[in-house]
N, C-alpha and C. Protein backbone atom coordinates (compact mmCIF):
# COMPACT_ATOMS: atom_id res chain seq x y z
N MET A 1 -74.97 -55.78 9.56
CA MET A 1 -75.78 -54.60 9.88
C MET A 1 -76.16 -54.61 11.36
N ARG A 2 -76.02 -53.45 11.98
CA ARG A 2 -76.39 -53.34 13.38
C ARG A 2 -77.92 -53.32 13.53
N LEU A 3 -78.38 -53.71 14.71
CA LEU A 3 -79.81 -53.68 14.98
C LEU A 3 -80.37 -52.27 14.82
N ALA A 4 -79.60 -51.28 15.26
CA ALA A 4 -80.07 -49.90 15.14
C ALA A 4 -80.36 -49.55 13.68
N ASP A 5 -79.44 -49.97 12.79
CA ASP A 5 -79.64 -49.69 11.37
C ASP A 5 -80.87 -50.41 10.83
N LEU A 6 -81.07 -51.64 11.30
CA LEU A 6 -82.21 -52.42 10.86
C LEU A 6 -83.52 -51.73 11.24
N PHE A 7 -83.60 -51.27 12.49
CA PHE A 7 -84.82 -50.59 12.94
C PHE A 7 -85.00 -49.24 12.27
N TRP A 8 -83.87 -48.56 11.97
CA TRP A 8 -83.98 -47.27 11.27
C TRP A 8 -84.59 -47.49 9.89
N ASN A 9 -84.09 -48.50 9.18
CA ASN A 9 -84.63 -48.80 7.85
C ASN A 9 -86.10 -49.15 7.92
N LEU A 10 -86.48 -49.89 8.96
CA LEU A 10 -87.88 -50.25 9.15
C LEU A 10 -88.72 -49.00 9.39
N PHE A 11 -88.20 -48.08 10.20
CA PHE A 11 -88.90 -46.83 10.48
C PHE A 11 -89.10 -46.01 9.20
N VAL A 12 -88.04 -45.90 8.40
CA VAL A 12 -88.12 -45.14 7.16
C VAL A 12 -89.17 -45.73 6.22
N ARG A 13 -89.21 -47.05 6.15
CA ARG A 13 -90.14 -47.70 5.22
C ARG A 13 -91.58 -47.66 5.71
N THR A 14 -91.78 -47.82 7.02
CA THR A 14 -93.13 -47.99 7.54
C THR A 14 -93.65 -46.80 8.33
N GLY A 15 -92.74 -45.92 8.78
CA GLY A 15 -93.15 -44.81 9.62
C GLY A 15 -93.55 -45.27 11.01
N SER A 16 -93.09 -46.46 11.38
CA SER A 16 -93.47 -47.05 12.67
C SER A 16 -92.77 -46.35 13.83
N VAL A 17 -93.56 -45.80 14.74
CA VAL A 17 -93.00 -45.16 15.92
C VAL A 17 -92.27 -46.19 16.77
N THR A 18 -92.81 -47.39 16.85
CA THR A 18 -92.17 -48.46 17.62
C THR A 18 -90.78 -48.74 17.08
N ALA A 19 -90.66 -48.80 15.77
CA ALA A 19 -89.35 -49.05 15.16
C ALA A 19 -88.38 -47.93 15.51
N TYR A 20 -88.88 -46.68 15.52
CA TYR A 20 -88.03 -45.54 15.86
C TYR A 20 -87.56 -45.62 17.30
N LEU A 21 -88.46 -45.97 18.21
CA LEU A 21 -88.09 -46.09 19.62
C LEU A 21 -87.07 -47.20 19.83
N LEU A 22 -87.23 -48.31 19.12
CA LEU A 22 -86.26 -49.40 19.19
C LEU A 22 -84.92 -48.94 18.64
N TYR A 23 -84.96 -48.16 17.57
CA TYR A 23 -83.73 -47.60 17.00
C TYR A 23 -83.00 -46.76 18.04
N LYS A 24 -83.74 -45.86 18.70
CA LYS A 24 -83.12 -45.01 19.71
C LYS A 24 -82.55 -45.84 20.85
N ARG A 25 -83.26 -46.90 21.22
CA ARG A 25 -82.80 -47.76 22.31
C ARG A 25 -81.47 -48.43 21.95
N PHE A 26 -81.38 -48.94 20.72
CA PHE A 26 -80.16 -49.63 20.31
C PHE A 26 -79.03 -48.66 19.96
N GLN A 27 -79.39 -47.41 19.65
CA GLN A 27 -78.37 -46.40 19.39
C GLN A 27 -77.69 -45.96 20.68
N ALA A 28 -78.42 -46.03 21.79
CA ALA A 28 -77.88 -45.57 23.07
C ALA A 28 -76.67 -46.40 23.47
N PRO A 29 -75.69 -45.76 24.12
CA PRO A 29 -74.53 -46.51 24.63
C PRO A 29 -74.98 -47.62 25.56
N ALA A 30 -74.24 -48.71 25.59
CA ALA A 30 -74.63 -49.88 26.37
C ALA A 30 -74.80 -49.56 27.85
N LEU A 31 -73.97 -48.64 28.34
CA LEU A 31 -74.02 -48.32 29.77
C LEU A 31 -75.23 -47.47 30.12
N LYS A 32 -75.81 -46.82 29.14
CA LYS A 32 -76.94 -45.92 29.38
C LYS A 32 -78.25 -46.67 29.22
N ASN A 33 -78.78 -47.15 30.33
CA ASN A 33 -80.02 -47.92 30.27
C ASN A 33 -81.20 -47.04 30.63
């Protein structure tokens, strides 16, 4: 499982904004910092 998927699942379960932001960060292409 990718980190993005892990954080997405965490967001769905907890509603954590932090988890969502981490999800977006890991979803972004590697070159896009």
